[in-house]
C-alpha atoms as a PDB file:
ATOM      1  CA  MET A   1     -22.978  18.688 -56.669  1.00  0.00           C
ATOM      2  CA  TYR A   2     -22.746  19.504 -59.586  1.00  0.00           C
ATOM      3  CA  PHE A   3     -21.585  23.328 -58.456  1.00  0.00           C
ATOM      4  CA  ALA A   4     -20.241  22.054 -55.236  1.00  0.00           C
ATOM      5  CA  GLY A   5     -16.209  22.534 -54.838  1.00  0.00           C
ATOM      6  CA  GLN A   6     -15.574  18.585 -54.440  1.00  0.00           C
ATOM      7  CA  THR A   7     -18.101  16.898 -56.301  1.00  0.00           C
ATOM      8  CA  ARG A   8     -17.775  19.841 -58.492  1.00  0.00           C
ATOM      9  CA  VAL A   9     -18.805  18.061 -62.747  1.00  0.00           C
ATOM     10  CA  SER A  10     -17.150  20.756 -64.620  1.00  0.00           C
ATOM     11  CA  GLY A  11     -18.825  19.381 -67.960  1.00  0.00           C
ATOM     12  CA  ILE A  12     -22.597  20.945 -66.514  1.00  0.00           C
ATOM     13  CA  ALA A  13     -20.500  23.711 -63.965  1.00  0.00           C
ATOM     14  CA  GLU A  14     -18.883  25.637 -67.336  1.00  0.00           C
ATOM     15  CA  LYS A  15     -22.247  25.301 -69.144  1.00  0.00           C
ATOM     16  CA  ILE A  16     -24.659  26.151 -67.536  1.00  0.00           C
ATOM     17  CA  SER A  17     -25.084  28.274 -64.146  1.00  0.00           C
ATOM     18  CA  ARG A  18     -25.968  27.485 -61.298  1.00  0.00           C
ATOM     19  CA  ASP A  19     -29.297  29.277 -60.518  1.00  0.00           C
ATOM     20  CA  ARG A  20     -30.243  28.511 -64.091  1.00  0.00           C
ATOM     21  CA  TYR A  21     -30.028  24.593 -63.743  1.00  0.00           C
ATOM     22  CA  ARG A  22     -32.678  25.011 -60.124  1.00  0.00           C
ATOM     23  CA  THR A  23     -34.782  26.909 -61.945  1.00  0.00           C
ATOM     24  CA  ILE A  24     -34.020  24.213 -64.890  1.00  0.00           C
ATOM     25  CA  ARG A  25     -34.817  20.865 -62.090  1.00  0.00           C
ATOM     26  CA  ASN A  26     -37.338  22.744 -59.603  1.00  0.00           C
ATOM     27  CA  ASN A  27     -39.677  22.768 -62.628  1.00  0.00           C
ATOM     28  CA  TRP A  28     -38.872  19.586 -64.396  1.00  0.00           C
ATOM     29  CA  LYS A  29     -42.198  17.711 -65.108  1.00  0.00           C
ATOM     30  CA  LEU A  30     -41.797  14.178 -66.371  1.00  0.00           C
ATOM     31  CA  VAL A  31     -45.120  12.873 -65.153  1.00  0.00           C
ATOM     32  CA  ASP A  32     -48.946  15.108 -65.146  1.00  0.00           C
ATOM     33  CA  ASP A  33     -49.994  14.613 -61.627  1.00  0.00           C
ATOM     34  CA  ASP A  34     -53.703  14.177 -61.842  1.00  0.00           C
ATOM     35  CA  LYS A  35     -53.258  11.811 -64.533  1.00  0.00           C
ATOM     36  CA  ILE A  36     -51.298   9.759 -62.168  1.00  0.00           C
ATOM     37  CA  PRO A  37     -53.530   6.908 -59.728  1.00  0.00           C
ATOM     38  CA  ASP A  38     -53.562   7.449 -56.232  1.00  0.00           C
ATOM     39  CA  ALA A  39     -52.096   3.974 -55.800  1.00  0.00           C
ATOM     40  CA  GLU A  40     -49.418   4.924 -57.684  1.00  0.00           C
ATOM     41  CA  LYS A  41     -48.209   7.464 -55.125  1.00  0.00           C
ATOM     42  CA  LYS A  42     -47.669   5.703 -53.048  1.00  0.00           C
ATOM     43  CA  ASP A  43     -44.293   4.560 -54.367  1.00  0.00           C
ATOM     44  CA  LYS A  44     -42.201   7.520 -53.104  1.00  0.00           C
ATOM     45  CA  PHE A  45     -40.336   8.082 -55.761  1.00  0.00           C
ATOM     46  CA  TRP A  46     -44.053   8.107 -58.776  1.00  0.00           C
ATOM     47  CA  LYS A  47     -42.840  10.617 -60.118  1.00  0.00           C
ATOM     48  CA  VAL A  48     -39.531  10.160 -61.606  1.00  0.00           C
ATOM     49  CA  LYS A  49     -40.694   6.976 -62.280  1.00  0.00           C
ATOM     50  CA  PRO A  50     -40.442   6.914 -65.756  1.00  0.00           C
ATOM     51  CA  MET A  51     -37.070   7.883 -65.963  1.00  0.00           C
ATOM     52  CA  THR A  52     -36.236   4.970 -63.702  1.00  0.00           C
ATOM     53  CA  ASN A  53     -37.937   2.578 -65.671  1.00  0.00           C
ATOM     54  CA  MET A  54     -36.441   3.909 -68.657  1.00  0.00           C
ATOM     55  CA  ILE A  55     -32.630   3.199 -67.098  1.00  0.00           C
ATOM     56  CA  LEU A  56     -34.025   0.340 -65.699  1.00  0.00           C
ATOM     57  CA  ASN A  57     -35.028  -0.685 -68.775  1.00  0.00           C
ATOM     58  CA  CYS A  58     -31.941  -0.611 -71.340  1.00  0.00           C
ATOM     59  CA  CYS A  59     -29.478  -2.008 -67.830  1.00  0.00           C
ATOM     60  CA  LEU A  60     -32.107  -5.461 -67.918  1.00  0.00           C
ATOM     61  CA  LEU A  61     -30.623  -5.665 -71.538  1.00  0.00           C
ATOM     62  CA  ASN A  62     -26.819  -5.080 -70.450  1.00  0.00           C
ATOM     63  CA  PRO A  63     -24.748  -8.746 -71.537  1.00  0.00           C
ATOM     64  CA  LYS A  64     -25.042 -10.633 -68.046  1.00  0.00           C
ATOM     65  CA  ASN A  65     -21.467 -12.611 -67.233  1.00  0.00           C
ATOM     66  CA  LYS A  66     -20.894 -15.397 -65.388  1.00  0.00           C
ATOM     67  CA  ASN A  67     -20.078 -13.154 -62.274  1.00  0.00           C
ATOM     68  CA  VAL A  68     -22.203  -9.969 -60.762  1.00  0.00           C
ATOM     69  CA  SER A  69     -22.059  -8.214 -57.249  1.00  0.00           C
ATOM     70  CA  ILE A  70     -24.677  -7.099 -55.043  1.00  0.00           C
ATOM     71  CA  ASP A  71     -24.652  -3.899 -53.151  1.00  0.00           C
ATOM     72  CA  GLU A  72     -25.976  -0.698 -52.470  1.00  0.00           C
ATOM     73  CA  GLN A  73     -25.451   2.498 -53.750  1.00  0.00           C
ATOM     74  CA  MET A  74     -26.417   5.816 -51.466  1.00  0.00           C
ATOM     75  CA  THR A  75     -27.033   8.285 -53.527  1.00  0.00           C
ATOM     76  CA  ARG A  76     -26.561  11.135 -52.196  1.00  0.00           C
ATOM     77  CA  TYR A  77     -30.162  13.982 -51.186  1.00  0.00           C
ATOM     78  CA  GLN A  78     -30.400  16.747 -49.324  1.00  0.00           C
ATOM     79  CA  ILE A  79     -33.641  17.429 -48.905  1.00  0.00           C
ATOM     80  CA  LYS A  80     -35.662  15.980 -46.013  1.00  0.00           C
ATOM     81  CA  PRO A  81     -36.672  13.923 -44.096  1.00  0.00           C
ATOM     82  CA  ASN A  82     -33.906  12.197 -45.244  1.00  0.00           C
ATOM     83  CA  PRO A  83     -30.865  14.365 -44.947  1.00  0.00           C
ATOM     84  CA  CYS A  84     -28.189  11.216 -45.792  1.00  0.00           C
ATOM     85  CA  GLY A  85     -29.006   9.789 -48.874  1.00  0.00           C
ATOM     86  CA  MET A  86     -31.720   7.348 -51.176  1.00  0.00           C
ATOM     87  CA  LYS A  87     -30.804   3.618 -50.697  1.00  0.00           C
ATOM     88  CA  ILE A  88     -30.276   1.920 -54.147  1.00  0.00           C
ATOM     89  CA  PHE A  89     -30.197  -2.036 -54.535  1.00  0.00           C
ATOM     90  CA  VAL A  90     -27.782  -2.516 -57.426  1.00  0.00           C
ATOM     91  CA  VAL A  91     -26.281  -6.097 -59.368  1.00  0.00           C
ATOM     92  CA  ALA A  92     -23.681  -5.335 -61.132  1.00  0.00           C
ATOM     93  CA  ALA A  93     -20.731  -7.133 -63.675  1.00  0.00           C
ATOM     94  CA  PRO A  94     -17.016  -7.019 -62.384  1.00  0.00           C
ATOM     95  CA  ASP A  95     -16.591  -3.851 -64.850  1.00  0.00           C
ATOM     96  CA  GLY A  96     -19.549  -2.075 -62.768  1.00  0.00           C
ATOM     97  CA  LEU A  97     -22.407  -2.068 -65.698  1.00  0.00           C
ATOM     98  CA  SER A  98     -24.938  -2.103 -63.646  1.00  0.00           C
ATOM     99  CA  LEU A  99     -27.151  -5.405 -65.112  1.00  0.00           C
ATOM    100  CA  ASN A 100     -30.612  -4.270 -62.356  1.00  0.00           C
ATOM    101  CA  PHE A 101     -31.375  -1.839 -59.827  1.00  0.00           C
ATOM    102  CA  PHE A 102     -34.359  -0.593 -57.269  1.00  0.00           C
ATOM    103  CA  PHE A 103     -34.707   1.826 -55.568  1.00  0.00           C
ATOM    104  CA  TYR A 104     -35.441   1.304 -51.873  1.00  0.00           C
ATOM    105  CA  GLN A 105     -38.188   2.912 -50.238  1.00  0.00           C
ATOM    106  CA  GLY A 106     -36.914   2.432 -46.100  1.00  0.00           C
ATOM    107  CA  ARG A 107     -39.369   0.954 -44.104  1.00  0.00           C
ATOM    108  CA  GLY A 108     -42.674  -0.502 -45.246  1.00  0.00           C
ATOM    109  CA  ASP A 109     -41.037  -1.142 -48.917  1.00  0.00           C
ATOM    110  CA  PRO A 110     -44.102  -2.972 -50.355  1.00  0.00           C
ATOM    111  CA  PHE A 111     -41.364  -5.104 -51.468  1.00  0.00           C
ATOM    112  CA  VAL A 112     -40.347  -6.321 -48.220  1.00  0.00           C
ATOM    113  CA  GLU A 113     -43.798  -7.165 -47.921  1.00  0.00           C
ATOM    114  CA  GLU A 114     -44.376 -10.011 -50.113  1.00  0.00           C
ATOM    115  CA  ASP A 115     -45.431 -13.110 -47.203  1.00  0.00           C
ATOM    116  CA  HIS A 116     -43.520 -15.443 -49.343  1.00  0.00           C
ATOM    117  CA  LEU A 117     -40.002 -13.248 -48.929  1.00  0.00           C
ATOM    118  CA  GLN A 118     -40.266 -11.918 -45.338  1.00  0.00           C
ATOM    119  CA  SER A 119     -38.418 -14.718 -43.462  1.00  0.00           C
ATOM    120  CA  LEU A 120     -35.812 -13.241 -45.407  1.00  0.00           C
ATOM    121  CA  GLY A 121     -35.200 -10.029 -44.751  1.00  0.00           C
ATOM    122  CA  VAL A 122     -34.457  -6.808 -46.631  1.00  0.00           C
ATOM    123  CA  GLY A 123     -30.909  -8.014 -47.532  1.00  0.00           C
ATOM    124  CA  GLY A 124     -32.493 -11.086 -48.992  1.00  0.00           C
ATOM    125  CA  THR A 125     -35.725 -10.039 -50.984  1.00  0.00           C
ATOM    126  CA  ALA A 126     -33.398  -7.280 -52.249  1.00  0.00           C
ATOM    127  CA  VAL A 127     -31.130 -11.042 -53.607  1.00  0.00           C
ATOM    128  CA  VAL A 128     -34.233 -11.876 -54.735  1.00  0.00           C
ATOM    129  CA  LYS A 129     -35.519  -9.456 -56.633  1.00  0.00           C
ATOM    130  CA  LEU A 130     -32.138  -8.414 -58.885  1.00  0.00           C
ATOM    131  CA  THR A 131     -31.501 -11.859 -59.608  1.00  0.00           C
ATOM    132  CA  TRP A 132     -35.029 -12.604 -61.441  1.00  0.00           C
ATOM    133  CA  ASN A 133     -33.569 -11.725 -64.587  1.00  0.00           C
ATOM    134  CA  LEU A 134     -29.467 -13.759 -64.123  1.00  0.00           C
ATOM    135  CA  PRO A 135     -28.421 -17.460 -66.261  1.00  0.00           C
ATOM    136  CA  THR A 136     -28.594 -20.230 -62.809  1.00  0.00           C
ATOM    137  CA  GLU A 137     -24.763 -20.305 -63.537  1.00  0.00           C
ATOM    138  CA  VAL A 138     -24.139 -17.338 -62.583  1.00  0.00           C
ATOM    139  CA  SER A 139     -22.034 -16.463 -59.546  1.00  0.00           C
ATOM    140  CA  ILE A 140     -22.868 -13.835 -56.880  1.00  0.00           C
ATOM    141  CA  TYR A 141     -21.197 -12.665 -54.647  1.00  0.00           C
ATOM    142  CA  MET A 142     -22.746  -9.852 -51.702  1.00  0.00           C
ATOM    143  CA  ASP A 143     -21.114  -9.294 -47.905  1.00  0.00           C
ATOM    144  CA  ARG A 144     -23.155 -10.056 -44.753  1.00  0.00           C
ATOM    145  CA  PHE A 145     -26.385  -7.040 -45.025  1.00  0.00           C
ATOM    146  CA  PHE A 146     -27.414  -9.900 -47.802  1.00  0.00           C
ATOM    147  CA  THR A 147     -26.469 -13.451 -46.722  1.00  0.00           C
ATOM    148  CA  SER A 148     -28.583 -15.578 -44.556  1.00  0.00           C
ATOM    149  CA  MET A 149     -28.776 -19.298 -44.389  1.00  0.00           C
ATOM    150  CA  HIS A 150     -32.358 -19.346 -45.814  1.00  0.00           C
ATOM    151  CA  LEU A 151     -32.010 -17.184 -48.494  1.00  0.00           C
ATOM    152  CA  LEU A 152     -28.888 -19.378 -50.151  1.00  0.00           C
ATOM    153  CA  ASP A 153     -31.373 -22.193 -48.929  1.00  0.00           C
ATOM    154  CA  LEU A 154     -33.073 -20.583 -51.556  1.00  0.00           C
ATOM    155  CA  LEU A 155     -30.868 -19.682 -54.441  1.00  0.00           C
ATOM    156  CA  HIS A 156     -29.721 -23.473 -54.209  1.00  0.00           C
ATOM    157  CA  SER A 157     -32.637 -24.832 -55.152  1.00  0.00           C
ATOM    158  CA  GLU A 158     -33.175 -22.955 -57.968  1.00  0.00           C
ATOM    159  CA  ALA A 159     -29.998 -23.467 -59.348  1.00  0.00           C
END
């Protein structure tokens, strides 16, 4: 994406060649594969978890706003089996500052399988997971994908 015509990022494309960038990207290791237990490897994003956890921890420290928005973000990803992208659920302040996020692993994602949240579906469960650290008096804006009467009752009872 950094080198493509429509999505070119000149700050990167002018400093490093595409081939050099790909060589670094393909050989960059965040974790030692042999030191990761098999149970953790069930997470599709286990290889980048240390980096995403650092970013997430910084997002969790951002100041909370009275109004937040919850939505999904598709991140372009061109390696099969999903040529369309990776879905990231995000809660953000009105200025776009991320306050919390997580990568959705698709069908069978463990976060949807939690017994007490199964009736909420993917969208409702994402709202619960994203809002755990927000003050109770916050106003949450979301589209119909996330909304259900069960979720609204749950959020109202916790307020």
